[in-house]
C-alpha atoms as a PDB file:
ATOM      1  CA  MET A   1      18.166 -29.577  -6.572  1.00  0.00           C
ATOM      2  CA  THR A   2      18.015 -30.397  -2.970  1.00  0.00           C
ATOM      3  CA  THR A   3      21.404 -29.679  -0.985  1.00  0.00           C
ATOM      4  CA  ASP A   4      22.125 -31.958   1.837  1.00  0.00           C
ATOM      5  CA  THR A   5      23.028 -29.973   4.822  1.00  0.00           C
ATOM      6  CA  PRO A   6      24.463 -31.779   7.629  1.00  0.00           C
ATOM      7  CA  VAL A   7      22.811 -31.488  11.160  1.00  0.00           C
ATOM      8  CA  GLN A   8      25.021 -29.288  13.423  1.00  0.00           C
ATOM      9  CA  ALA A   9      25.144 -27.936  17.109  1.00  0.00           C
ATOM     10  CA  PRO A  10      22.564 -25.264  17.360  1.00  0.00           C
ATOM     11  CA  ILE A  11      23.861 -21.796  16.730  1.00  0.00           C
ATOM     12  CA  TYR A  12      20.894 -20.057  18.762  1.00  0.00           C
ATOM     13  CA  ASN A  13      18.679 -21.586  21.551  1.00  0.00           C
ATOM     14  CA  ARG A  14      15.607 -19.894  20.499  1.00  0.00           C
ATOM     15  CA  VAL A  15      14.952 -18.160  17.090  1.00  0.00           C
ATOM     16  CA  ALA A  16      11.503 -15.859  16.810  1.00  0.00           C
ATOM     17  CA  LEU A  17      10.090 -15.300  13.443  1.00  0.00           C
ATOM     18  CA  ILE A  18       7.862 -12.250  13.209  1.00  0.00           C
ATOM     19  CA  GLY A  19       5.531 -12.831  10.040  1.00  0.00           C
ATOM     20  CA  LEU A  20       5.119 -16.083   8.617  1.00  0.00           C
ATOM     21  CA  GLY A  21       5.257 -15.876   4.679  1.00  0.00           C
ATOM     22  CA  LEU A  22       7.454 -17.330   2.153  1.00  0.00           C
ATOM     23  CA  ILE A  23      10.840 -16.290   3.819  1.00  0.00           C
ATOM     24  CA  ALA A  24       9.961 -17.154   7.445  1.00  0.00           C
ATOM     25  CA  SER A  25       8.558 -20.520   6.770  1.00  0.00           C
ATOM     26  CA  SER A  26      11.522 -21.239   4.526  1.00  0.00           C
ATOM     27  CA  MET A  27      13.747 -20.184   7.291  1.00  0.00           C
ATOM     28  CA  TYR A  28      12.008 -22.444   9.583  1.00  0.00           C
ATOM     29  CA  TRP A  29      12.248 -25.548   7.597  1.00  0.00           C
ATOM     30  CA  ALA A  30      15.839 -24.851   6.854  1.00  0.00           C
ATOM     31  CA  ILE A  31      16.705 -24.241  10.505  1.00  0.00           C
ATOM     32  CA  LYS A  32      15.298 -27.772  11.323  1.00  0.00           C
ATOM     33  CA  ARG A  33      16.949 -29.358   8.582  1.00  0.00           C
ATOM     34  CA  GLY A  34      20.307 -28.341   9.752  1.00  0.00           C
ATOM     35  CA  GLY A  35      19.609 -28.355  13.649  1.00  0.00           C
ATOM     36  CA  LEU A  36      20.440 -24.634  13.874  1.00  0.00           C
ATOM     37  CA  ALA A  37      18.258 -23.619  16.821  1.00  0.00           C
ATOM     38  CA  ASN A  38      16.618 -25.726  19.762  1.00  0.00           C
ATOM     39  CA  GLU A  39      13.273 -23.991  19.422  1.00  0.00           C
ATOM     40  CA  VAL A  40      11.720 -21.614  16.794  1.00  0.00           C
ATOM     41  CA  THR A  41       8.550 -19.355  17.766  1.00  0.00           C
ATOM     42  CA  GLY A  42       6.404 -17.525  15.279  1.00  0.00           C
ATOM     43  CA  TYR A  43       3.911 -14.887  15.082  1.00  0.00           C
ATOM     44  CA  ALA A  44       1.660 -13.534  12.245  1.00  0.00           C
ATOM     45  CA  ARG A  45      -0.659 -10.648  12.548  1.00  0.00           C
ATOM     46  CA  SER A  46      -3.413 -12.750  10.875  1.00  0.00           C
ATOM     47  CA  THR A  47      -5.279 -15.052  12.898  1.00  0.00           C
ATOM     48  CA  GLU A  48      -5.888 -17.080   9.780  1.00  0.00           C
ATOM     49  CA  THR A  49      -2.041 -17.173   9.122  1.00  0.00           C
ATOM     50  CA  ARG A  50      -1.545 -18.351  12.490  1.00  0.00           C
ATOM     51  CA  GLU A  51      -4.015 -20.958  12.409  1.00  0.00           C
ATOM     52  CA  THR A  52      -2.487 -22.143   9.065  1.00  0.00           C
ATOM     53  CA  ALA A  53       1.056 -22.378  10.670  1.00  0.00           C
ATOM     54  CA  ARG A  54      -0.207 -24.481  13.621  1.00  0.00           C
ATOM     55  CA  GLU A  55      -2.279 -26.921  11.107  1.00  0.00           C
ATOM     56  CA  ILE A  56       1.109 -27.569   8.999  1.00  0.00           C
ATOM     57  CA  GLY A  57       3.582 -27.691  11.954  1.00  0.00           C
ATOM     58  CA  LEU A  58       5.221 -24.381  11.054  1.00  0.00           C
ATOM     59  CA  CYS A  59       7.219 -23.278  14.074  1.00  0.00           C
ATOM     60  CA  ASP A  60       7.690 -25.247  17.315  1.00  0.00           C
ATOM     61  CA  ARG A  61       5.326 -22.845  18.840  1.00  0.00           C
ATOM     62  CA  VAL A  62       3.045 -20.188  17.203  1.00  0.00           C
ATOM     63  CA  CYS A  63       2.338 -17.363  19.629  1.00  0.00           C
ATOM     64  CA  ASP A  64      -0.633 -15.036  19.511  1.00  0.00           C
ATOM     65  CA  THR A  65       1.344 -11.879  20.272  1.00  0.00           C
ATOM     66  CA  ALA A  66       4.690 -10.760  18.820  1.00  0.00           C
ATOM     67  CA  ILE A  67       5.936 -10.046  22.353  1.00  0.00           C
ATOM     68  CA  GLU A  68       5.252 -13.514  23.485  1.00  0.00           C
ATOM     69  CA  ALA A  69       7.076 -14.770  20.429  1.00  0.00           C
ATOM     70  CA  CYS A  70      10.101 -12.750  21.356  1.00  0.00           C
ATOM     71  CA  GLU A  71      10.262 -13.501  24.969  1.00  0.00           C
ATOM     72  CA  ASP A  72      13.851 -15.126  25.668  1.00  0.00           C
ATOM     73  CA  ALA A  73      14.602 -15.289  21.926  1.00  0.00           C
ATOM     74  CA  ASP A  74      18.390 -15.117  21.224  1.00  0.00           C
ATOM     75  CA  LEU A  75      17.597 -14.029  17.663  1.00  0.00           C
ATOM     76  CA  VAL A  76      14.539 -12.166  16.371  1.00  0.00           C
ATOM     77  CA  VAL A  77      13.965 -11.954  12.593  1.00  0.00           C
ATOM     78  CA  LEU A  78      11.574  -9.399  11.281  1.00  0.00           C
ATOM     79  CA  CYS A  79       9.935 -10.941   8.207  1.00  0.00           C
ATOM     80  CA  VAL A  80       7.340  -8.587   7.627  1.00  0.00           C
ATOM     81  CA  PRO A  81       7.015  -5.898   4.730  1.00  0.00           C
ATOM     82  CA  VAL A  82       9.345  -2.942   4.822  1.00  0.00           C
ATOM     83  CA  GLY A  83       6.624  -0.557   5.652  1.00  0.00           C
ATOM     84  CA  ALA A  84       5.725  -2.377   8.997  1.00  0.00           C
ATOM     85  CA  MET A  85       9.096  -2.890  10.232  1.00  0.00           C
ATOM     86  CA  GLU A  86       9.073   0.406  12.476  1.00  0.00           C
ATOM     87  CA  SER A  87       5.867  -0.567  14.173  1.00  0.00           C
ATOM     88  CA  VAL A  88       6.745  -4.134  14.740  1.00  0.00           C
ATOM     89  CA  ALA A  89      10.208  -3.090  16.194  1.00  0.00           C
ATOM     90  CA  ARG A  90       8.434  -0.421  18.501  1.00  0.00           C
ATOM     91  CA  GLU A  91       6.021  -3.230  19.823  1.00  0.00           C
ATOM     92  CA  ILE A  92       8.681  -5.942  20.466  1.00  0.00           C
ATOM     93  CA  ALA A  93      11.480  -3.599  22.104  1.00  0.00           C
ATOM     94  CA  PRO A  94      10.054  -4.178  25.755  1.00  0.00           C
ATOM     95  CA  ALA A  95      10.411  -8.050  25.109  1.00  0.00           C
ATOM     96  CA  LEU A  96      13.827  -8.148  23.783  1.00  0.00           C
ATOM     97  CA  LYS A  97      16.370  -9.565  26.109  1.00  0.00           C
ATOM     98  CA  LYS A  98      19.926  -8.328  26.483  1.00  0.00           C
ATOM     99  CA  GLY A  99      22.426 -10.001  24.347  1.00  0.00           C
ATOM    100  CA  ALA A 100      19.713 -10.877  21.681  1.00  0.00           C
ATOM    101  CA  THR A 101      20.195 -10.048  18.121  1.00  0.00           C
ATOM    102  CA  VAL A 102      17.472  -8.416  15.858  1.00  0.00           C
ATOM    103  CA  THR A 103      17.755  -8.819  11.952  1.00  0.00           C
ATOM    104  CA  ASP A 104      15.503  -8.545   9.144  1.00  0.00           C
ATOM    105  CA  VAL A 105      14.769  -9.878   5.595  1.00  0.00           C
ATOM    106  CA  GLY A 106      13.819  -6.912   3.838  1.00  0.00           C
ATOM    107  CA  SER A 107      14.869  -5.973   0.461  1.00  0.00           C
ATOM    108  CA  VAL A 108      15.670  -2.564   1.296  1.00  0.00           C
ATOM    109  CA  LYS A 109      18.336  -1.630   3.898  1.00  0.00           C
ATOM    110  CA  LYS A 110      18.811   1.966   4.392  1.00  0.00           C
ATOM    111  CA  SER A 111      15.059   2.636   5.357  1.00  0.00           C
ATOM    112  CA  VAL A 112      14.899  -0.311   7.423  1.00  0.00           C
ATOM    113  CA  ILE A 113      17.789   0.810   9.539  1.00  0.00           C
ATOM    114  CA  GLU A 114      16.506   4.135   9.999  1.00  0.00           C
ATOM    115  CA  ALA A 115      13.028   2.704  10.896  1.00  0.00           C
ATOM    116  CA  VAL A 116      14.213  -0.059  13.189  1.00  0.00           C
ATOM    117  CA  GLY A 117      17.371   1.155  14.492  1.00  0.00           C
ATOM    118  CA  PRO A 118      16.164   3.802  17.147  1.00  0.00           C
ATOM    119  CA  HIS A 119      13.872   1.283  18.595  1.00  0.00           C
ATOM    120  CA  ILE A 120      16.565  -1.508  19.435  1.00  0.00           C
ATOM    121  CA  PRO A 121      17.242  -1.229  23.213  1.00  0.00           C
ATOM    122  CA  ASP A 122      20.619  -0.743  24.784  1.00  0.00           C
ATOM    123  CA  GLY A 123      22.261  -4.286  24.899  1.00  0.00           C
ATOM    124  CA  VAL A 124      20.580  -5.791  22.090  1.00  0.00           C
ATOM    125  CA  HIS A 125      22.262  -6.127  18.682  1.00  0.00           C
ATOM    126  CA  PHE A 126      20.944  -5.283  15.342  1.00  0.00           C
ATOM    127  CA  VAL A 127      22.330  -6.891  12.163  1.00  0.00           C
ATOM    128  CA  PRO A 128      20.158  -6.162   9.050  1.00  0.00           C
ATOM    129  CA  GLY A 129      20.009  -8.728   6.519  1.00  0.00           C
ATOM    130  CA  HIS A 130      18.562  -9.907   3.053  1.00  0.00           C
ATOM    131  CA  PRO A 131      18.386 -13.340   1.623  1.00  0.00           C
ATOM    132  CA  LEU A 132      18.457 -13.028  -2.144  1.00  0.00           C
ATOM    133  CA  ALA A 133      15.993 -15.777  -2.545  1.00  0.00           C
ATOM    134  CA  GLY A 134      12.258 -16.174  -3.380  1.00  0.00           C
ATOM    135  CA  THR A 135       9.585 -17.222  -5.625  1.00  0.00           C
ATOM    136  CA  GLU A 136       6.334 -15.627  -6.809  1.00  0.00           C
ATOM    137  CA  HIS A 137       4.327 -17.451  -4.086  1.00  0.00           C
ATOM    138  CA  SER A 138       3.685 -16.028  -0.624  1.00  0.00           C
ATOM    139  CA  GLY A 139       2.061 -17.341   2.748  1.00  0.00           C
ATOM    140  CA  PRO A 140       3.007 -19.767   5.362  1.00  0.00           C
ATOM    141  CA  ARG A 141       2.324 -22.911   2.929  1.00  0.00           C
ATOM    142  CA  SER A 142       4.836 -21.375   0.413  1.00  0.00           C
ATOM    143  CA  GLY A 143       8.063 -22.120   2.235  1.00  0.00           C
ATOM    144  CA  PHE A 144      10.531 -24.926   1.662  1.00  0.00           C
ATOM    145  CA  ALA A 145      14.014 -25.735   3.361  1.00  0.00           C
ATOM    146  CA  GLU A 146      15.897 -25.477   0.172  1.00  0.00           C
ATOM    147  CA  LEU A 147      14.818 -22.074  -0.731  1.00  0.00           C
ATOM    148  CA  PHE A 148      18.255 -20.532   0.316  1.00  0.00           C
ATOM    149  CA  ASP A 149      20.593 -23.321  -0.989  1.00  0.00           C
ATOM    150  CA  ASN A 150      23.307 -21.685  -3.064  1.00  0.00           C
ATOM    151  CA  ARG A 151      21.692 -18.415  -2.944  1.00  0.00           C
ATOM    152  CA  TRP A 152      23.194 -15.163  -1.524  1.00  0.00           C
ATOM    153  CA  CYS A 153      22.123 -13.489   1.763  1.00  0.00           C
ATOM    154  CA  LEU A 154      23.522 -10.121   2.132  1.00  0.00           C
ATOM    155  CA  LEU A 155      24.221  -8.793   5.915  1.00  0.00           C
ATOM    156  CA  VAL A 156      24.474  -5.108   6.364  1.00  0.00           C
ATOM    157  CA  PRO A 157      26.080  -4.500   9.875  1.00  0.00           C
ATOM    158  CA  VAL A 158      25.303  -1.023  11.289  1.00  0.00           C
ATOM    159  CA  GLU A 159      27.760   1.321  13.105  1.00  0.00           C
ATOM    160  CA  GLY A 160      29.013  -0.555  16.346  1.00  0.00           C
ATOM    161  CA  SER A 161      27.741  -4.084  15.344  1.00  0.00           C
ATOM    162  CA  ASP A 162      29.375  -6.642  17.354  1.00  0.00           C
ATOM    163  CA  PRO A 163      31.610  -8.812  14.982  1.00  0.00           C
ATOM    164  CA  ALA A 164      31.093 -11.981  17.007  1.00  0.00           C
ATOM    165  CA  GLU A 165      27.374 -11.586  16.544  1.00  0.00           C
ATOM    166  CA  VAL A 166      27.465 -10.780  12.972  1.00  0.00           C
ATOM    167  CA  ALA A 167      29.702 -13.959  12.549  1.00  0.00           C
ATOM    168  CA  ARG A 168      27.111 -15.813  14.512  1.00  0.00           C
ATOM    169  CA  LEU A 169      24.306 -14.813  12.247  1.00  0.00           C
ATOM    170  CA  ARG A 170      26.467 -15.452   9.103  1.00  0.00           C
ATOM    171  CA  ALA A 171      26.890 -19.043  10.519  1.00  0.00           C
ATOM    172  CA  LEU A 172      22.989 -19.296  10.633  1.00  0.00           C
ATOM    173  CA  TRP A 173      22.669 -18.231   7.197  1.00  0.00           C
ATOM    174  CA  GLU A 174      25.455 -20.407   5.904  1.00  0.00           C
ATOM    175  CA  GLY A 175      23.820 -23.332   7.926  1.00  0.00           C
ATOM    176  CA  MET A 176      20.571 -22.925   6.016  1.00  0.00           C
ATOM    177  CA  GLY A 177      22.614 -23.143   2.574  1.00  0.00           C
ATOM    178  CA  SER A 178      23.197 -19.666   1.824  1.00  0.00           C
ATOM    179  CA  ASN A 179      26.401 -17.825   0.408  1.00  0.00           C
ATOM    180  CA  VAL A 180      27.082 -14.793   2.685  1.00  0.00           C
ATOM    181  CA  GLU A 181      28.560 -11.393   1.982  1.00  0.00           C
ATOM    182  CA  GLU A 182      28.418  -8.086   3.961  1.00  0.00           C
ATOM    183  CA  MET A 183      27.525  -4.771   2.225  1.00  0.00           C
ATOM    184  CA  GLU A 184      27.121  -1.280   3.075  1.00  0.00           C
ATOM    185  CA  ALA A 185      23.535  -0.179   3.063  1.00  0.00           C
ATOM    186  CA  ASP A 186      23.481   2.534   0.316  1.00  0.00           C
ATOM    187  CA  HIS A 187      25.311   0.060  -1.992  1.00  0.00           C
ATOM    188  CA  HIS A 188      22.885  -2.716  -1.211  1.00  0.00           C
ATOM    189  CA  ASP A 189      19.853  -0.589  -2.162  1.00  0.00           C
ATOM    190  CA  LEU A 190      21.473   0.477  -5.549  1.00  0.00           C
ATOM    191  CA  VAL A 191      22.654  -3.087  -6.338  1.00  0.00           C
ATOM    192  CA  LEU A 192      19.089  -4.173  -5.739  1.00  0.00           C
ATOM    193  CA  ALA A 193      17.546  -1.520  -7.524  1.00  0.00           C
ATOM    194  CA  VAL A 194      19.462  -3.086 -10.568  1.00  0.00           C
ATOM    195  CA  THR A 195      18.910  -6.724 -10.177  1.00  0.00           C
ATOM    196  CA  SER A 196      15.540  -6.736  -8.534  1.00  0.00           C
ATOM    197  CA  HIS A 197      13.457  -3.722  -7.940  1.00  0.00           C
ATOM    198  CA  ALA A 198      13.597  -2.239 -11.497  1.00  0.00           C
ATOM    199  CA  PRO A 199      12.936  -5.527 -12.964  1.00  0.00           C
ATOM    200  CA  HIS A 200      10.094  -6.203 -10.998  1.00  0.00           C
ATOM    201  CA  LEU A 201       8.573  -2.567 -11.729  1.00  0.00           C
ATOM    202  CA  ILE A 202       9.031  -3.349 -15.469  1.00  0.00           C
ATOM    203  CA  ALA A 203       7.494  -6.659 -15.251  1.00  0.00           C
ATOM    204  CA  TYR A 204       4.505  -5.200 -13.448  1.00  0.00           C
ATOM    205  CA  THR A 205       4.240  -2.351 -16.220  1.00  0.00           C
ATOM    206  CA  MET A 206       4.534  -4.684 -19.058  1.00  0.00           C
ATOM    207  CA  VAL A 207       1.945  -7.063 -17.695  1.00  0.00           C
ATOM    208  CA  GLY A 208      -0.268  -3.961 -16.992  1.00  0.00           C
ATOM    209  CA  VAL A 209       0.254  -2.818 -20.741  1.00  0.00           C
ATOM    210  CA  ALA A 210      -0.744  -6.330 -21.886  1.00  0.00           C
ATOM    211  CA  ASP A 211      -3.763  -6.501 -19.589  1.00  0.00           C
ATOM    212  CA  ASP A 212      -5.082  -3.157 -21.316  1.00  0.00           C
ATOM    213  CA  LEU A 213      -4.414  -4.725 -24.740  1.00  0.00           C
ATOM    214  CA  ARG A 214      -6.174  -8.043 -23.720  1.00  0.00           C
ATOM    215  CA  ARG A 215      -9.306  -6.133 -23.129  1.00  0.00           C
ATOM    216  CA  VAL A 216      -9.176  -5.065 -26.856  1.00  0.00           C
ATOM    217  CA  THR A 217      -8.030  -8.346 -28.373  1.00  0.00           C
ATOM    218  CA  ASP A 218     -10.516 -10.497 -26.390  1.00  0.00           C
ATOM    219  CA  SER A 219      -8.018 -12.211 -24.036  1.00  0.00           C
ATOM    220  CA  GLU A 220      -5.632 -13.212 -26.965  1.00  0.00           C
ATOM    221  CA  VAL A 221      -2.647 -11.732 -24.947  1.00  0.00           C
ATOM    222  CA  ILE A 222      -3.202 -14.728 -22.388  1.00  0.00           C
ATOM    223  CA  LYS A 223      -4.074 -17.256 -24.796  1.00  0.00           C
ATOM    224  CA  TYR A 224      -1.237 -16.867 -27.027  1.00  0.00           C
ATOM    225  CA  SER A 225       1.439 -15.854 -24.453  1.00  0.00           C
ATOM    226  CA  ALA A 226       4.894 -16.602 -25.396  1.00  0.00           C
ATOM    227  CA  ALA A 227       7.739 -17.449 -22.993  1.00  0.00           C
ATOM    228  CA  GLY A 228       8.960 -13.773 -22.442  1.00  0.00           C
ATOM    229  CA  PHE A 229       5.481 -12.587 -21.436  1.00  0.00           C
ATOM    230  CA  ARG A 230       4.968 -15.657 -19.264  1.00  0.00           C
ATOM    231  CA  ASP A 231       8.052 -14.817 -17.147  1.00  0.00           C
ATOM    232  CA  PHE A 232       7.002 -11.320 -16.877  1.00  0.00           C
ATOM    233  CA  THR A 233       3.675 -12.670 -15.245  1.00  0.00           C
ATOM    234  CA  ARG A 234       5.556 -14.847 -12.921  1.00  0.00           C
ATOM    235  CA  ILE A 235       7.603 -11.883 -11.503  1.00  0.00           C
ATOM    236  CA  ALA A 236       4.626  -9.590 -11.521  1.00  0.00           C
ATOM    237  CA  ALA A 237       2.672 -12.211  -9.385  1.00  0.00           C
ATOM    238  CA  SER A 238       4.869 -11.332  -6.454  1.00  0.00           C
ATOM    239  CA  ASP A 239       3.291  -9.911  -3.225  1.00  0.00           C
ATOM    240  CA  PRO A 240       1.809  -6.570  -3.846  1.00  0.00           C
ATOM    241  CA  THR A 241       2.134  -5.177  -0.370  1.00  0.00           C
ATOM    242  CA  MET A 242       5.788  -6.186  -0.227  1.00  0.00           C
ATOM    243  CA  TRP A 243       6.658  -4.569  -3.484  1.00  0.00           C
ATOM    244  CA  ARG A 244       4.765  -1.348  -2.807  1.00  0.00           C
ATOM    245  CA  ASP A 245       6.620  -0.640   0.210  1.00  0.00           C
ATOM    246  CA  VAL A 246       9.935  -1.571  -1.716  1.00  0.00           C
ATOM    247  CA  PHE A 247       9.258   1.206  -4.206  1.00  0.00           C
ATOM    248  CA  LEU A 248       8.234   3.734  -1.542  1.00  0.00           C
ATOM    249  CA  THR A 249      11.316   3.075   0.604  1.00  0.00           C
ATOM    250  CA  ASN A 250      13.924   2.521  -2.079  1.00  0.00           C
ATOM    251  CA  LYS A 251      12.736   5.409  -4.422  1.00  0.00           C
ATOM    252  CA  GLU A 252      16.293   7.281  -4.894  1.00  0.00           C
ATOM    253  CA  ALA A 253      17.909   4.132  -6.232  1.00  0.00           C
ATOM    254  CA  THR A 254      14.844   2.895  -8.277  1.00  0.00           C
ATOM    255  CA  LEU A 255      14.433   6.015  -9.790  1.00  0.00           C
ATOM    256  CA  GLU A 256      18.093   6.342 -10.742  1.00  0.00           C
ATOM    257  CA  ILE A 257      18.038   2.989 -12.479  1.00  0.00           C
ATOM    258  CA  LEU A 258      14.778   3.710 -14.099  1.00  0.00           C
ATOM    259  CA  GLY A 259      16.316   6.860 -15.543  1.00  0.00           C
ATOM    260  CA  ARG A 260      19.122   4.828 -17.071  1.00  0.00           C
ATOM    261  CA  PHE A 261      16.624   2.272 -18.182  1.00  0.00           C
ATOM    262  CA  THR A 262      14.725   5.066 -19.934  1.00  0.00           C
ATOM    263  CA  GLU A 263      17.939   6.281 -21.625  1.00  0.00           C
ATOM    264  CA  GLU A 264      18.696   2.651 -22.968  1.00  0.00           C
ATOM    265  CA  LEU A 265      15.162   2.310 -24.229  1.00  0.00           C
ATOM    266  CA  PHE A 266      15.258   5.476 -26.219  1.00  0.00           C
ATOM    267  CA  ALA A 267      18.486   4.405 -27.714  1.00  0.00           C
ATOM    268  CA  LEU A 268      16.867   1.034 -28.861  1.00  0.00           C
ATOM    269  CA  GLN A 269      13.910   2.956 -30.167  1.00  0.00           C
ATOM    270  CA  ARG A 270      16.041   4.979 -32.230  1.00  0.00           C
ATOM    271  CA  ALA A 271      17.955   2.174 -33.667  1.00  0.00           C
ATOM    272  CA  ILE A 272      14.648   0.399 -34.542  1.00  0.00           C
ATOM    273  CA  ARG A 273      13.356   3.463 -36.109  1.00  0.00           C
ATOM    274  CA  THR A 274      16.326   3.910 -38.158  1.00  0.00           C
ATOM    275  CA  GLY A 275      17.328   0.420 -39.079  1.00  0.00           C
ATOM    276  CA  ASP A 276      20.434   0.558 -37.177  1.00  0.00           C
ATOM    277  CA  GLY A 277      20.879  -3.234 -37.120  1.00  0.00           C
ATOM    278  CA  GLU A 278      24.525  -3.063 -36.022  1.00  0.00           C
ATOM    279  CA  HIS A 279      23.539  -1.343 -32.683  1.00  0.00           C
ATOM    280  CA  LEU A 280      20.937  -3.884 -31.984  1.00  0.00           C
ATOM    281  CA  GLN A 281      23.225  -6.815 -32.699  1.00  0.00           C
ATOM    282  CA  ASP A 282      26.010  -5.153 -30.588  1.00  0.00           C
ATOM    283  CA  TYR A 283      23.505  -4.577 -27.655  1.00  0.00           C
ATOM    284  CA  PHE A 284      22.020  -7.930 -27.561  1.00  0.00           C
ATOM    285  CA  THR A 285      25.397  -9.639 -27.944  1.00  0.00           C
ATOM    286  CA  ARG A 286      26.508  -7.707 -24.869  1.00  0.00           C
ATOM    287  CA  THR A 287      23.385  -8.300 -22.717  1.00  0.00           C
ATOM    288  CA  ARG A 288      23.403 -12.120 -23.570  1.00  0.00           C
ATOM    289  CA  ALA A 289      26.695 -12.308 -22.000  1.00  0.00           C
ATOM    290  CA  ILE A 290      25.016 -11.309 -18.571  1.00  0.00           C
ATOM    291  CA  ARG A 291      22.842 -14.465 -18.913  1.00  0.00           C
ATOM    292  CA  ARG A 292      25.732 -16.682 -19.378  1.00  0.00           C
ATOM    293  CA  GLY A 293      27.378 -15.007 -16.296  1.00  0.00           C
ATOM    294  CA  ILE A 294      24.432 -15.798 -14.234  1.00  0.00           C
ATOM    295  CA  ILE A 295      24.472 -19.427 -15.198  1.00  0.00           C
ATOM    296  CA  GLU A 296      28.268 -19.772 -14.733  1.00  0.00           C
ATOM    297  CA  ALA A 297      28.026 -18.412 -11.117  1.00  0.00           C
ATOM    298  CA  GLY A 298      25.320 -21.127 -10.370  1.00  0.00           C
ATOM    299  CA  GLN A 299      22.388 -18.663  -9.947  1.00  0.00           C
ATOM    300  CA  ASP A 300      20.196 -20.454 -12.619  1.00  0.00           C
ATOM    301  CA  THR A 301      20.240 -23.308 -15.044  1.00  0.00           C
ATOM    302  CA  ASP A 302      20.955 -23.704 -18.533  1.00  0.00           C
ATOM    303  CA  ALA A 303      18.533 -26.624 -18.933  1.00  0.00           C
ATOM    304  CA  PRO A 304      16.212 -26.352 -21.776  1.00  0.00           C
ATOM    305  CA  ASP A 305      13.222 -24.153 -21.560  1.00  0.00           C
ATOM    306  CA  PHE A 306      14.745 -22.702 -18.283  1.00  0.00           C
ATOM    307  CA  GLY A 307      14.513 -25.883 -16.508  1.00  0.00           C
ATOM    308  CA  ARG A 308      10.713 -25.715 -16.655  1.00  0.00           C
ATOM    309  CA  ILE A 309       9.079 -29.229 -15.957  1.00  0.00           C
ATOM    310  CA  LYS A 310       7.264 -30.344 -18.866  1.00  0.00           C
ATOM    311  CA  LYS A 311       4.223 -32.583 -18.653  1.00  0.00           C
ATOM    312  CA  ASP A 312       4.284 -35.943 -20.601  1.00  0.00           C
ATOM    313  CA  ALA A 313       2.747 -35.414 -23.963  1.00  0.00           C
ATOM    314  CA  THR A 314       0.378 -38.270 -24.079  1.00  0.00           C
END
């Protein structure tokens, strides 16, 4: 559903987006929808991506270097995979003007702070962030202004962050449609291990198991895919580079949650093996309530078939 966001006075004069994938492209369209910046510059390492961005009108100005994109920017947003954050921060450091703010959209925070923080010059603010929004698609053509509407963005201020600049960045995300909360880095990484990182790893694993089976069953796994497996494949279609970096940089929290998952899985295996229907019933009833809570919080729809658009049966 599209949320009508009123145009307001610009929060920043110039915003630089470094990396032009799903999140950056959606940020651009959302910023323009709300009139949140006078100019948005953009840069992507790939020549092809930069050409595509120019072709579709993504960014007011697409630059051929990250330094050029960051010159005189009031806000610089690092929209690159977590593993590339440090090299990009080192590269753009000389171009950052005093009083500017650097933020990011990475789904891991502790490692980003450790990687980027040392390269932030004196007089430049650093306010890490993470919009909890996305699709399985990537690239500059995948973005849309409504991506952040009624979704959460977590800000993770570092020690010494200027409260005024944190509030300014909060206003930008709220202007793009997000709900905003602040969170400490370690807690963020644990929460995301539960809500995003471990589920993605499980989805990748299930699809990998099914792929092995498909070779035996002559593609029947794909031909007869039920809704549960289809949803796994949607999650597992996410950007491989991004998720490789997530698991390498949030390994402690992810391994902790996977350990708990394994314990739960063993308990379910035991219940199935011993015919303990009561345990299964209680477990599924408890976990079903989580789904109801997500719907009640406005983070998904209870429409039939999870809101999937059906083709007319003709």
